[in-house]
Protein backbone atom coordinates (compact mmCIF):
# COMPACT_ATOMS: atom_id res chain seq x y z
CA MET A 1 117.86 -81.88 167.65
CA LEU A 2 117.82 -81.22 163.92
CA LEU A 3 120.81 -82.67 162.06
CA PRO A 4 121.01 -81.46 158.41
CA LEU A 5 121.68 -84.14 155.81
CA GLY A 6 121.22 -82.37 152.46
CA THR A 7 118.98 -80.16 150.31
CA ASP A 8 116.61 -80.66 147.37
CA ARG A 9 118.53 -78.18 145.17
CA PRO A 10 120.42 -79.93 142.33
CA LEU A 11 124.07 -78.89 141.92
CA ARG A 12 125.53 -77.75 138.61
CA ARG A 13 129.23 -77.61 139.54
CA ARG A 14 131.71 -79.37 141.76
CA PRO A 15 131.97 -77.60 145.14
CA ARG A 16 135.76 -77.13 145.08
CA ALA A 17 135.81 -74.32 147.67
CA CYS A 18 133.79 -76.41 150.14
CA GLU A 19 136.06 -79.37 149.56
CA THR A 20 139.13 -77.20 150.15
CA LEU A 21 137.77 -75.70 153.38
CA LEU A 22 136.79 -79.12 154.66
CA VAL A 23 140.18 -80.66 153.86
CA VAL A 24 142.13 -77.78 155.41
CA THR A 25 140.02 -77.81 158.60
CA VAL A 26 140.26 -81.58 159.02
CA ALA A 27 143.99 -81.48 158.23
CA ALA A 28 144.50 -78.91 160.97
CA GLN A 29 142.78 -81.21 163.46
CA VAL A 30 144.79 -84.23 162.26
CA LEU A 31 147.96 -82.21 162.82
CA VAL A 32 146.85 -81.44 166.36
CA LEU A 33 146.15 -85.14 166.93
CA LEU A 34 149.57 -86.20 165.63
CA ILE A 35 151.37 -83.63 167.75
CA GLY A 36 149.22 -84.58 170.74
CA LEU A 37 150.29 -88.21 170.53
CA GLN A 38 153.85 -87.08 171.13
CA SER A 39 153.18 -84.13 173.42
CA PRO A 40 149.69 -83.14 174.61
CA ASP A 41 151.09 -79.83 175.87
CA SER A 42 152.47 -78.98 172.41
CA ALA A 43 149.09 -79.78 170.83
CA ALA A 44 147.34 -77.51 173.32
CA ALA A 45 149.89 -74.77 172.62
CA LEU A 46 149.22 -75.00 168.86
CA VAL A 47 145.46 -74.74 169.38
CA ASP A 48 146.09 -71.83 171.75
CA ALA A 49 148.15 -70.02 169.11
CA MET A 50 145.34 -70.38 166.53
CA SER A 51 142.57 -69.28 168.90
CA LEU A 52 140.98 -65.85 168.95
CA ALA A 53 140.98 -64.00 172.27
CA GLN A 54 139.88 -60.56 173.38
CA THR A 55 143.31 -59.77 174.84
CA THR A 56 145.27 -60.62 171.67
CA ALA A 57 142.81 -60.06 168.86
CA TRP A 58 144.06 -56.58 167.96
CA THR A 59 147.76 -57.37 168.25
CA GLU A 60 147.40 -60.69 166.36
CA PRO A 61 144.69 -59.97 163.77
CA TRP A 62 145.46 -63.13 161.78
CA THR A 63 143.75 -65.10 164.53
CA PHE A 64 140.41 -63.84 163.13
CA LEU A 65 141.13 -66.34 160.34
CA THR A 66 143.10 -69.10 162.09
CA TYR A 67 140.53 -69.68 164.82
CA GLN A 68 138.05 -70.80 162.13
CA PHE A 69 140.25 -73.82 161.34
CA ALA A 70 141.10 -74.82 164.91
CA HIS A 71 139.13 -77.26 167.03
CA ASP A 72 140.01 -78.24 170.58
CA SER A 73 142.65 -80.86 171.22
CA PRO A 74 141.12 -84.21 172.23
CA PHE A 75 143.90 -84.50 174.85
CA ALA A 76 142.93 -81.22 176.59
CA GLY A 77 140.98 -81.48 179.83
CA THR A 78 138.45 -84.05 181.00
CA GLY A 79 135.17 -82.22 180.47
CA THR A 80 131.87 -83.80 179.48
CA GLY A 81 132.34 -86.19 176.62
CA GLY A 82 136.11 -85.73 176.62
CA GLY A 83 137.93 -86.07 173.34
CA LEU A 84 134.97 -87.71 171.59
CA TRP A 85 132.80 -84.64 172.13
CA ARG A 86 135.53 -82.39 170.76
CA LEU A 87 135.78 -84.52 167.61
CA LEU A 88 131.98 -84.42 167.25
CA HIS A 89 132.19 -80.61 167.38
CA LEU A 90 134.42 -80.75 164.30
CA ALA A 91 132.17 -83.31 162.60
CA PHE A 92 128.99 -81.24 163.11
CA ASN A 93 130.70 -78.11 161.78
CA MET A 94 131.96 -79.90 158.68
CA LEU A 95 128.52 -81.39 158.11
CA GLY A 96 127.04 -77.87 158.20
CA LEU A 97 129.72 -76.66 155.78
CA TRP A 98 128.93 -79.48 153.38
CA VAL A 99 125.13 -79.22 153.49
CA PHE A 100 124.82 -75.43 153.26
CA GLY A 101 128.07 -74.60 151.52
CA ARG A 102 127.58 -76.69 148.37
CA PRO A 103 124.27 -75.07 147.22
CA LEU A 104 125.66 -71.63 148.07
CA GLU A 105 128.85 -72.30 146.12
CA ASP A 106 126.69 -73.47 143.21
CA ARG A 107 124.89 -70.12 143.36
CA LEU A 108 127.82 -67.81 144.21
CA GLY A 109 130.85 -69.49 142.71
CA HIS A 110 134.05 -70.60 144.44
CA VAL A 111 135.31 -67.12 145.39
CA GLY A 112 131.87 -66.00 146.57
CA LEU A 113 131.53 -68.98 148.88
CA LEU A 114 135.00 -68.43 150.36
CA GLY A 115 134.15 -64.74 150.92
CA VAL A 116 130.93 -65.52 152.79
CA TYR A 117 132.52 -68.29 154.88
CA LEU A 118 135.73 -66.50 155.89
CA GLY A 119 134.17 -63.01 156.05
CA GLY A 120 131.24 -64.33 158.08
CA GLY A 121 133.72 -66.06 160.39
CA ILE A 122 135.52 -62.78 160.94
CA VAL A 123 132.24 -61.06 161.85
CA ALA A 124 131.40 -63.96 164.17
CA GLY A 125 134.80 -63.72 165.84
CA LEU A 126 134.42 -59.98 166.29
CA ALA A 127 131.03 -60.48 167.96
CA GLN A 128 132.54 -63.06 170.31
CA VAL A 129 135.56 -61.03 171.41
CA LEU A 130 133.30 -58.00 172.02
CA ASP A 131 131.04 -60.15 174.18
CA SER A 132 133.43 -62.36 176.08
CA PRO A 133 137.04 -62.15 177.34
CA GLY A 134 137.58 -65.87 176.81
CA SER A 135 139.21 -67.40 173.74
CA VAL A 136 137.20 -68.97 170.93
CA ILE A 137 137.99 -71.64 168.33
CA GLY A 138 135.99 -73.56 165.78
CA ALA A 139 134.12 -73.11 162.49
CA SER A 140 130.68 -72.70 164.07
CA GLY A 141 130.53 -68.95 163.40
CA SER A 142 131.58 -69.46 159.78
CA VAL A 143 128.95 -72.17 159.28
CA CYS A 144 126.32 -69.88 160.84
CA ALA A 145 127.31 -67.26 158.27
CA LEU A 146 126.58 -69.82 155.54
CA VAL A 147 123.22 -70.51 157.17
CA GLY A 148 122.36 -66.77 157.21
CA ALA A 149 123.37 -66.32 153.55
CA PHE A 150 121.42 -69.46 152.67
CA ALA A 151 118.27 -67.93 154.18
CA MET A 152 118.65 -64.86 151.93
CA LEU A 153 119.75 -66.53 148.70
CA LEU A 154 117.88 -69.86 148.83
CA PRO A 155 114.91 -69.41 151.19
CA ARG A 156 112.55 -71.74 149.28
CA VAL A 157 114.96 -74.68 149.22
CA HIS A 158 113.99 -77.63 151.43
CA ILE A 159 116.45 -79.37 153.77
CA ARG A 160 116.52 -83.04 154.70
CA VAL A 161 117.08 -83.30 158.44
CA LEU A 162 117.51 -86.10 160.92
CA VAL A 163 115.07 -85.26 163.74
CA ILE A 164 116.10 -86.64 167.11
CA PHE A 165 113.33 -85.80 169.55
CA ILE A 166 110.61 -88.08 170.90
CA LEU A 167 110.63 -89.90 167.56
CA ILE A 168 113.65 -90.33 165.32
CA GLY A 169 113.27 -89.94 161.57
CA ILE A 170 114.32 -88.09 158.44
CA TRP A 171 112.11 -85.20 157.34
CA THR A 172 112.21 -82.68 154.51
CA ILE A 173 111.58 -79.20 155.96
CA PRO A 174 111.55 -75.69 154.40
CA SER A 175 114.93 -74.09 155.01
CA LEU A 176 113.52 -71.00 156.76
CA TRP A 177 111.96 -73.22 159.46
CA VAL A 178 115.28 -74.95 160.05
CA VAL A 179 117.21 -71.69 160.12
CA GLY A 180 114.65 -70.07 162.40
CA PHE A 181 114.81 -73.00 164.84
CA TRP A 182 118.61 -72.71 165.15
CA VAL A 183 118.54 -68.94 165.52
CA VAL A 184 115.95 -69.18 168.30
CA LEU A 185 118.02 -71.82 170.09
CA ASP A 186 121.12 -69.61 169.94
CA LEU A 187 119.16 -66.56 171.14
CA VAL A 188 117.80 -68.54 174.07
CA GLY A 189 121.29 -69.86 174.87
CA PHE A 190 122.80 -66.39 174.65
CA ALA A 191 120.12 -64.89 176.91
CA GLY A 192 120.23 -67.86 179.29
CA GLY A 193 123.89 -67.46 180.18
CA GLY A 194 125.26 -70.62 178.59
CA LYS A 195 128.20 -68.70 177.11
CA ALA A 196 130.82 -70.56 179.14
CA THR A 197 130.48 -73.75 177.05
CA THR A 198 129.16 -72.43 173.70
CA ALA A 199 130.14 -69.29 171.74
CA TYR A 200 126.56 -68.08 171.23
CA ALA A 201 127.73 -64.56 170.38
CA ALA A 202 129.86 -66.00 167.55
CA HIS A 203 126.85 -67.96 166.26
CA LEU A 204 124.62 -64.87 166.26
CA GLY A 205 127.36 -62.74 164.72
CA GLY A 206 127.76 -65.35 161.99
CA TYR A 207 124.04 -65.25 161.21
CA VAL A 208 124.13 -61.47 160.97
CA GLY A 209 127.23 -61.52 158.76
CA GLY A 210 125.73 -64.12 156.44
CA VAL A 211 122.37 -62.33 156.14
CA GLY A 212 124.19 -59.05 155.43
CA ALA A 213 126.41 -60.68 152.80
CA GLY A 214 123.41 -62.31 151.12
CA LEU A 215 121.43 -59.07 150.97
CA LEU A 216 124.45 -57.15 149.69
CA LEU A 217 124.97 -59.68 146.90
CA LEU A 218 121.31 -59.51 145.90
CA LEU A 219 121.14 -55.71 145.96
CA CYS A 220 124.31 -55.49 143.86
CA THR A 221 122.78 -57.99 141.37
CA ARG A 222 125.51 -60.51 142.13
CA PRO A 223 124.60 -63.29 141.92
CA LYS A 224 122.01 -63.09 139.16
CA GLY A 225 118.55 -63.24 140.72
CA ASP A 226 116.24 -66.19 140.18
CA ASP A 227 112.95 -67.34 141.66
CA VAL A 228 114.29 -68.53 145.01
CA ASP A 229 115.83 -65.57 146.81
CA ALA A 230 114.65 -63.15 149.47
CA LEU A 231 114.12 -60.25 147.03
CA TRP A 232 111.88 -62.47 144.91
CA LEU A 233 109.79 -63.24 147.98
CA PHE A 234 109.59 -59.51 148.78
CA ARG A 235 108.44 -58.71 145.25
CA GLN A 236 105.81 -61.45 145.53
CA TRP A 237 104.57 -59.90 148.76
CA ARG A 238 104.31 -56.47 147.10
CA ARG A 239 102.40 -57.96 144.17
CA ARG A 240 99.94 -59.60 146.58
CA GLN A 241 99.47 -56.23 148.30
CA HIS A 242 98.75 -54.56 144.95
CA ALA A 243 96.36 -57.34 143.94
CA ARG A 244 94.52 -56.99 147.26
CA ALA A 245 94.20 -53.25 146.67
CA VAL A 246 92.76 -53.89 143.20
CA LEU A 247 90.08 -56.14 144.63
CA THR A 248 89.08 -54.01 147.63
CA THR A 249 89.43 -50.31 146.71
CA PRO A 250 86.35 -48.51 145.29
CA THR A 251 86.68 -46.72 141.98
CA PRO A 252 86.82 -42.90 142.25
CA PRO A 253 85.33 -40.64 139.58
CA PRO A 254 87.74 -40.02 136.69
CA PRO A 255 89.55 -36.66 136.61
CA THR A 256 88.28 -33.94 134.33
CA PRO A 257 90.37 -33.95 131.16
CA VAL A 258 92.23 -30.80 130.25
CA PRO A 259 90.97 -29.42 126.90
CA HIS A 260 93.47 -29.43 124.06
CA ASP A 261 94.09 -26.25 122.13
CA ALA A 262 93.82 -27.20 118.43
CA ASP A 263 95.60 -24.04 117.32
CA ARG A 264 98.88 -24.94 119.02
CA ALA A 265 101.88 -25.97 116.91
CA PRO A 266 102.67 -29.75 117.04
CA GLN A 267 106.23 -29.10 118.21
CA ASP A 268 104.86 -27.25 121.24
CA ASP A 269 102.96 -30.36 122.29
CA VAL A 270 106.09 -32.50 121.90
CA ILE A 271 108.10 -30.15 124.09
CA GLU A 272 105.36 -30.07 126.71
CA GLU A 273 105.03 -33.87 126.64
CA HIS A 274 108.75 -34.33 127.28
CA ALA A 275 108.69 -31.77 130.11
CA TRP A 276 105.63 -33.45 131.63
CA LEU A 277 107.24 -36.89 131.52
CA ARG A 278 110.43 -35.50 133.09
CA ASP A 279 108.43 -33.96 135.94
CA VAL A 280 106.50 -37.17 136.63
CA GLU A 281 109.62 -39.34 136.49
CA ALA A 282 111.56 -36.98 138.74
CA ALA A 283 108.73 -37.05 141.30
CA MET A 284 108.56 -40.84 141.29
CA HIS A 285 112.35 -41.20 141.53
CA SER A 286 112.51 -38.83 144.51
CA GLY A 287 109.83 -40.72 146.45
CA ARG A 288 107.10 -38.13 145.88
CA SER A 289 104.73 -40.70 144.43
CA ARG A 290 101.59 -38.72 145.33
CA GLY A 291 102.88 -35.67 143.47
CA GLY A 292 103.89 -37.81 140.50
CA MET A 293 100.42 -39.42 140.37
CA GLN A 294 98.67 -36.03 140.49
CA ARG A 295 100.95 -34.61 137.80
CA TRP A 296 100.26 -37.66 135.63
CA MET A 297 96.47 -37.59 136.07
CA ARG A 298 96.21 -33.87 135.31
CA GLU A 299 97.57 -34.23 131.79
CA CYS A 300 97.66 -37.92 130.80
CA ASP A 301 94.66 -37.43 128.48
CA ARG A 302 96.56 -34.80 126.52
CA PHE A 303 99.30 -37.30 125.68
CA PRO A 304 97.53 -40.66 125.17
CA ASP A 305 100.59 -42.53 123.91
CA ALA A 306 103.24 -41.09 126.27
CA CYS A 307 105.05 -43.52 128.55
CA LEU A 308 107.78 -43.39 131.19
CA SER A 309 110.73 -45.78 131.47
CA ALA A 310 109.57 -49.32 132.23
CA PRO A 311 110.29 -49.52 136.00
CA VAL A 312 108.91 -46.02 136.65
CA GLN A 313 105.80 -46.61 134.52
CA LEU A 314 105.10 -49.84 136.40
CA ASP A 315 105.66 -48.14 139.76
CA LEU A 316 103.29 -45.34 138.77
CA ALA A 317 100.62 -47.78 137.64
CA ASN A 318 100.91 -49.73 140.89
CA HIS A 319 100.55 -46.55 142.97
CA LEU A 320 97.51 -45.49 140.91
CA GLN A 321 95.68 -48.75 141.44
CA ALA A 322 96.67 -48.94 145.12
CA GLY A 323 95.26 -45.43 145.52
CA GLY A 324 91.93 -46.46 143.94
CA HIS A 325 92.45 -44.70 140.58
CA HIS A 326 91.48 -47.79 138.61
CA ALA A 327 90.74 -46.20 135.25
CA GLU A 328 94.03 -44.31 135.30
CA ALA A 329 95.89 -47.40 136.53
CA ALA A 330 94.46 -49.47 133.67
CA ASP A 331 95.58 -46.82 131.20
CA ALA A 332 99.07 -46.75 132.76
CA TYR A 333 99.36 -50.55 132.64
CA ARG A 334 98.18 -50.48 129.00
CA ARG A 335 100.89 -47.93 128.11
CA MET A 336 103.44 -50.13 129.89
CA LEU A 337 102.47 -53.07 127.69
CA ASP A 338 102.32 -50.98 124.49
CA ASN A 339 105.79 -49.52 125.03
CA HIS A 340 107.60 -52.21 127.05
CA GLY A 341 105.81 -55.41 126.11
CA ASP A 342 108.92 -57.56 126.43
CA HIS A 343 109.70 -56.46 130.00
CA PRO A 344 110.05 -59.36 132.49
CA GLU A 345 107.13 -58.01 134.52
CA SER A 346 104.78 -57.94 131.50
CA PRO A 347 102.95 -61.22 132.37
CA MET A 348 102.14 -59.86 135.82
CA VAL A 349 101.07 -56.52 134.28
CA ARG A 350 98.66 -58.35 131.95
CA LEU A 351 97.16 -60.16 134.94
CA MET A 352 96.76 -56.94 136.95
CA LEU A 353 95.21 -55.14 133.98
CA GLY A 354 92.86 -58.07 133.45
CA VAL A 355 91.75 -57.90 137.10
CA LEU A 356 91.10 -54.17 136.78
CA LEU A 357 89.13 -54.54 133.57
CA ILE A 358 86.91 -57.30 134.95
CA ARG A 359 86.43 -56.40 138.59
CA HIS A 360 86.30 -52.61 138.42
CA LEU A 361 85.87 -51.39 134.86
CA HIS A 362 83.44 -54.11 133.68
CA ARG A 363 85.22 -54.75 130.39
CA PRO A 364 85.65 -58.54 130.29
CA ASP A 365 86.00 -58.68 126.51
CA ASP A 366 89.08 -56.44 126.70
CA ALA A 367 90.47 -58.48 129.59
CA ARG A 368 90.23 -61.90 127.92
CA PRO A 369 93.19 -61.66 125.46
CA LEU A 370 95.36 -60.23 128.24
CA LEU A 371 94.50 -63.06 130.61
CA LEU A 372 95.12 -65.69 127.94
CA GLN A 373 98.63 -64.33 127.46
CA ALA A 374 99.18 -64.05 131.22
CA ARG A 375 98.05 -67.65 131.77
CA ASP A 376 100.64 -68.93 129.27
CA GLN A 377 103.50 -66.72 130.52
CA LEU A 378 103.17 -66.68 134.31
CA HIS A 379 105.41 -69.05 136.30
CA ASP A 380 103.78 -68.60 139.71
CA ASP A 381 101.07 -71.21 140.32
CA ALA A 382 98.84 -68.88 142.36
CA GLN A 383 98.99 -66.14 139.74
CA ARG A 384 98.27 -68.59 136.92
CA ALA A 385 95.33 -69.96 138.90
CA LEU A 386 93.94 -66.41 139.28
CA ALA A 387 94.25 -65.85 135.52
CA ILE A 388 92.39 -69.10 134.80
CA GLU A 389 89.67 -68.22 137.33
CA LEU A 390 89.16 -64.80 135.72
CA LEU A 391 89.06 -66.33 132.22
CA GLU A 392 86.19 -68.55 133.30
CA THR A 393 84.16 -65.45 134.13
CA THR A 394 84.67 -64.07 130.60
CA SER A 395 83.59 -67.15 128.67
């Protein structure tokens, strides 16, 4: 068993939304306890009214929210563990809310955290009622939604866990390993038919809802991206693919330049340059990268200073180098730096251009100033190490 205790991410604000959710959920259970001391049947009826069931879900839609705050009455039934086990169910859920909710609230804000928790709980409840006719209560689906969002928004954060297996101890583990372990356990439980005692469908629905919410927030640029989210990891993967292509693809012969007609009026060249750039940008935007590359290479020598918008120019340069057009890629990267030198991707562009100049174009003297800048500006340790390694070959 892995019991989460905390994370290594420092918090910048008080987690008021997490505190509120925790207090409301515990207060609901205390209310059930107080009522149960007087009348166990009344306590069971209150829990029943808050629960979510397939037969009443559509006529009582508020139960998609209320079930998230209800946990079974300790006076109900005599199953394994009795009332103590039911109280532990609440304790484990609140521990998950506290461990995963606080860093997410720090990243998303109070309203964002509430949206992921309650919205993920609704998705979890929907998954459960579609899968099983029985009623469901508890915050497990909502906590699983936090876990799914955590995997998207904070995948590089480490989690301190109490490991209870053959040996007992506290370990610090990458969050994706912890999340993956729990997802696999729930998938095995769902496939193995243990749905009578645990709402595995709600757990899985919560994961899906949380992952979807996290991706939606990233794609809509809310919250502001930083160096520890899933999109950052995807961009890193793409950069590694481009770097691998730079190091392994042979250099093709350069295209034959189109001769320039010296008798043409200067304004004609300006008009043609603008039309050419529009054509290339339209091709890249529409996903016709091969056509955009060919259009660029046919006439790039005619317009040596022309440049596309920063993201399109970078995309074009990456496609050129991935396709083995190293000379043209180096020229495209150079134009990117000349025209958009303050772009956030500029340090990586300097590194890629330095690799091209050294490994494929045999111009180490031109590469050295670029690599010096890249070394001082790059934040990724592996990229900085590559820049330093290449600099040693130019000295």
